[in-house]
Amino acid sequence: MCEFSDKVDAAKAAVPAVTPQEARARKAGEPEILFIDPRNAEDIRSTTGHIPGALNLPLGEIEAGSELPAELSSPERPIITACQGGPMGAIAAHALQQRGFRNVHFVDGGTQGWLDAGYDTVR
């Protein structure tokens, strides 16, 4: 197995997934929830776009231990990560969990799953 696959497997074992429908319901019902897209901005624009309101925080910055934006000042804040298809979102959620965030999930199927469920994205 390659390193990326190992990281995905470890992340999926450690962090709970939510369906696009569950993510949308939480977005509507929990105003404090933060969605994070860990892809590079160009990848977001050239593929699926991002979930409305999502913060673009590249995976490399999360994993490198870089200073996090003010939106992530509380380790209790609920967070849902979503990349294009899910794996990078799972890795980002796991990296955030390892940095002390306690209420982290990832969207199973990523933004493509979000789109497939009939929800809009922003490009």
C-alpha atoms as a PDB file:
ATOM      1  CA  MET A   1       0.000   0.000   0.000  1.00  0.00           C
ATOM      2  CA  CYS A   2       1.211   3.514  -0.680  1.00  0.00           C
ATOM      3  CA  GLU A   3       1.636   6.142   2.010  1.00  0.00           C
ATOM      4  CA  PHE A   4      -1.481   8.062   0.907  1.00  0.00           C
ATOM      5  CA  SER A   5      -3.659   4.941   1.167  1.00  0.00           C
ATOM      6  CA  ASP A   6      -2.252   4.217   4.626  1.00  0.00           C
ATOM      7  CA  LYS A   7      -3.058   7.765   5.732  1.00  0.00           C
ATOM      8  CA  VAL A   8      -6.587   7.500   4.348  1.00  0.00           C
ATOM      9  CA  ASP A   9      -7.190   4.182   6.109  1.00  0.00           C
ATOM     10  CA  ALA A  10      -5.882   5.525   9.435  1.00  0.00           C
ATOM     11  CA  ALA A  11      -7.982   8.671   9.094  1.00  0.00           C
ATOM     12  CA  LYS A  12     -11.175   6.795   8.260  1.00  0.00           C
ATOM     13  CA  ALA A  13     -10.597   4.508  11.252  1.00  0.00           C
ATOM     14  CA  ALA A  14     -10.136   7.485  13.606  1.00  0.00           C
ATOM     15  CA  VAL A  15     -12.636  10.076  12.359  1.00  0.00           C
ATOM     16  CA  PRO A  16     -16.363   9.577  11.828  1.00  0.00           C
ATOM     17  CA  ALA A  17     -17.808  10.208   8.393  1.00  0.00           C
ATOM     18  CA  VAL A  18     -21.079  11.980   7.693  1.00  0.00           C
ATOM     19  CA  THR A  19     -23.181  11.668   4.569  1.00  0.00           C
ATOM     20  CA  PRO A  20     -23.773  14.748   2.434  1.00  0.00           C
ATOM     21  CA  GLN A  21     -27.339  14.782   3.765  1.00  0.00           C
ATOM     22  CA  GLU A  22     -26.132  14.712   7.385  1.00  0.00           C
ATOM     23  CA  ALA A  23     -23.585  17.439   6.638  1.00  0.00           C
ATOM     24  CA  ARG A  24     -26.233  19.657   5.069  1.00  0.00           C
ATOM     25  CA  ALA A  25     -28.605  19.131   8.018  1.00  0.00           C
ATOM     26  CA  ARG A  26     -25.824  20.031  10.454  1.00  0.00           C
ATOM     27  CA  LYS A  27     -24.942  23.104   8.366  1.00  0.00           C
ATOM     28  CA  ALA A  28     -28.536  24.267   8.589  1.00  0.00           C
ATOM     29  CA  GLY A  29     -28.978  23.446  12.286  1.00  0.00           C
ATOM     30  CA  GLU A  30     -25.614  24.372  13.798  1.00  0.00           C
ATOM     31  CA  PRO A  31     -24.604  27.941  12.906  1.00  0.00           C
ATOM     32  CA  GLU A  32     -21.227  27.507  14.629  1.00  0.00           C
ATOM     33  CA  ILE A  33     -20.193  24.557  12.440  1.00  0.00           C
ATOM     34  CA  LEU A  34     -17.188  25.171  10.212  1.00  0.00           C
ATOM     35  CA  PHE A  35     -16.709  23.445   6.879  1.00  0.00           C
ATOM     36  CA  ILE A  36     -13.120  23.160   5.662  1.00  0.00           C
ATOM     37  CA  ASP A  37     -11.932  22.241   2.185  1.00  0.00           C
ATOM     38  CA  PRO A  38      -8.290  21.072   2.376  1.00  0.00           C
ATOM     39  CA  ARG A  39      -7.539  21.264  -1.354  1.00  0.00           C
ATOM     40  CA  ASN A  40      -5.479  23.935  -3.045  1.00  0.00           C
ATOM     41  CA  ALA A  41      -7.626  26.820  -4.278  1.00  0.00           C
ATOM     42  CA  GLU A  42      -6.933  26.030  -7.948  1.00  0.00           C
ATOM     43  CA  ASP A  43      -8.024  22.410  -7.467  1.00  0.00           C
ATOM     44  CA  ILE A  44     -11.277  23.609  -5.930  1.00  0.00           C
ATOM     45  CA  ARG A  45     -11.987  25.984  -8.834  1.00  0.00           C
ATOM     46  CA  SER A  46     -11.089  23.449 -11.512  1.00  0.00           C
ATOM     47  CA  THR A  47     -13.160  20.570 -10.114  1.00  0.00           C
ATOM     48  CA  THR A  48     -16.234  20.528  -7.887  1.00  0.00           C
ATOM     49  CA  GLY A  49     -16.047  23.894  -6.169  1.00  0.00           C
ATOM     50  CA  HIS A  50     -16.484  23.989  -2.392  1.00  0.00           C
ATOM     51  CA  ILE A  51     -19.440  23.708  -0.049  1.00  0.00           C
ATOM     52  CA  PRO A  52     -20.913  27.197   0.494  1.00  0.00           C
ATOM     53  CA  GLY A  53     -19.246  28.943   3.402  1.00  0.00           C
ATOM     54  CA  ALA A  54     -16.340  26.483   3.556  1.00  0.00           C
ATOM     55  CA  LEU A  55     -12.937  27.753   4.608  1.00  0.00           C
ATOM     56  CA  ASN A  56     -10.106  26.843   2.243  1.00  0.00           C
ATOM     57  CA  LEU A  57      -7.293  25.521   4.454  1.00  0.00           C
ATOM     58  CA  PRO A  58      -4.809  23.399   2.486  1.00  0.00           C
ATOM     59  CA  LEU A  59      -3.933  20.011   3.928  1.00  0.00           C
ATOM     60  CA  GLY A  60      -0.228  20.812   3.877  1.00  0.00           C
ATOM     61  CA  GLU A  61      -0.776  23.729   6.256  1.00  0.00           C
ATOM     62  CA  ILE A  62      -2.841  21.606   8.630  1.00  0.00           C
ATOM     63  CA  GLU A  63      -0.307  18.786   8.667  1.00  0.00           C
ATOM     64  CA  ALA A  64       2.710  21.115   8.951  1.00  0.00           C
ATOM     65  CA  GLY A  65       1.417  22.537  12.215  1.00  0.00           C
ATOM     66  CA  SER A  66       1.103  26.002  10.715  1.00  0.00           C
ATOM     67  CA  GLU A  67      -0.732  28.664  12.652  1.00  0.00           C
ATOM     68  CA  LEU A  68      -4.450  28.152  12.156  1.00  0.00           C
ATOM     69  CA  PRO A  69      -6.901  30.915  11.233  1.00  0.00           C
ATOM     70  CA  ALA A  70      -9.015  32.630  13.891  1.00  0.00           C
ATOM     71  CA  GLU A  71     -12.022  30.495  12.912  1.00  0.00           C
ATOM     72  CA  LEU A  72     -10.193  27.584  14.555  1.00  0.00           C
ATOM     73  CA  SER A  73      -9.442  29.243  17.891  1.00  0.00           C
ATOM     74  CA  SER A  74     -11.654  26.808  19.841  1.00  0.00           C
ATOM     75  CA  PRO A  75     -10.888  23.071  19.881  1.00  0.00           C
ATOM     76  CA  GLU A  76     -14.574  22.508  20.685  1.00  0.00           C
ATOM     77  CA  ARG A  77     -15.870  24.066  17.459  1.00  0.00           C
ATOM     78  CA  PRO A  78     -17.636  21.495  15.280  1.00  0.00           C
ATOM     79  CA  ILE A  79     -15.791  20.947  12.001  1.00  0.00           C
ATOM     80  CA  ILE A  80     -16.647  19.022   8.847  1.00  0.00           C
ATOM     81  CA  THR A  81     -13.998  18.598   6.167  1.00  0.00           C
ATOM     82  CA  ALA A  82     -14.698  17.894   2.507  1.00  0.00           C
ATOM     83  CA  CYS A  83     -12.370  17.539  -0.466  1.00  0.00           C
ATOM     84  CA  GLN A  84     -13.392  16.450  -3.965  1.00  0.00           C
ATOM     85  CA  GLY A  85     -14.009  12.759  -3.249  1.00  0.00           C
ATOM     86  CA  GLY A  86     -13.435  12.228   0.470  1.00  0.00           C
ATOM     87  CA  PRO A  87      -9.928  10.842   1.111  1.00  0.00           C
ATOM     88  CA  MET A  88      -8.134  14.162   1.569  1.00  0.00           C
ATOM     89  CA  GLY A  89     -11.037  15.385   3.691  1.00  0.00           C
ATOM     90  CA  ALA A  90     -10.605  12.354   5.941  1.00  0.00           C
ATOM     91  CA  ILE A  91      -6.868  13.000   6.256  1.00  0.00           C
ATOM     92  CA  ALA A  92      -7.477  16.685   7.044  1.00  0.00           C
ATOM     93  CA  ALA A  93     -10.072  15.787   9.680  1.00  0.00           C
ATOM     94  CA  HIS A  94      -7.638  13.339  11.259  1.00  0.00           C
ATOM     95  CA  ALA A  95      -4.846  15.949  11.238  1.00  0.00           C
ATOM     96  CA  LEU A  96      -7.162  18.439  12.952  1.00  0.00           C
ATOM     97  CA  GLN A  97      -8.124  15.790  15.478  1.00  0.00           C
ATOM     98  CA  GLN A  98      -4.432  15.188  16.169  1.00  0.00           C
ATOM     99  CA  ARG A  99      -4.049  18.940  16.728  1.00  0.00           C
ATOM    100  CA  GLY A 100      -6.626  18.787  19.525  1.00  0.00           C
ATOM    101  CA  PHE A 101      -9.956  19.396  17.792  1.00  0.00           C
ATOM    102  CA  ARG A 102     -12.556  17.126  19.346  1.00  0.00           C
ATOM    103  CA  ASN A 103     -15.657  17.481  17.185  1.00  0.00           C
ATOM    104  CA  VAL A 104     -14.389  16.684  13.688  1.00  0.00           C
ATOM    105  CA  HIS A 105     -16.052  14.743  10.866  1.00  0.00           C
ATOM    106  CA  PHE A 106     -15.528  14.399   7.120  1.00  0.00           C
ATOM    107  CA  VAL A 107     -18.056  14.186   4.284  1.00  0.00           C
ATOM    108  CA  ASP A 108     -18.128  10.675   2.849  1.00  0.00           C
ATOM    109  CA  GLY A 109     -17.906  11.224  -0.907  1.00  0.00           C
ATOM    110  CA  GLY A 110     -16.613  14.788  -0.493  1.00  0.00           C
ATOM    111  CA  THR A 111     -17.980  17.668  -2.522  1.00  0.00           C
ATOM    112  CA  GLN A 112     -18.711  15.293  -5.401  1.00  0.00           C
ATOM    113  CA  GLY A 113     -21.071  13.430  -3.070  1.00  0.00           C
ATOM    114  CA  TRP A 114     -22.518  16.800  -2.026  1.00  0.00           C
ATOM    115  CA  LEU A 115     -23.153  17.667  -5.691  1.00  0.00           C
ATOM    116  CA  ASP A 116     -24.538  14.189  -6.418  1.00  0.00           C
ATOM    117  CA  ALA A 117     -27.026  14.718  -3.579  1.00  0.00           C
ATOM    118  CA  GLY A 118     -28.315  17.797  -5.439  1.00  0.00           C
ATOM    119  CA  TYR A 119     -26.643  20.502  -3.344  1.00  0.00           C
ATOM    120  CA  ASP A 120     -24.847  23.539  -4.753  1.00  0.00           C
ATOM    121  CA  THR A 121     -21.170  24.388  -4.472  1.00  0.00           C
ATOM    122  CA  VAL A 122     -19.230  27.613  -5.001  1.00  0.00           C
ATOM    123  CA  ARG A 123     -16.414  27.893  -7.578  1.00  0.00           C
END
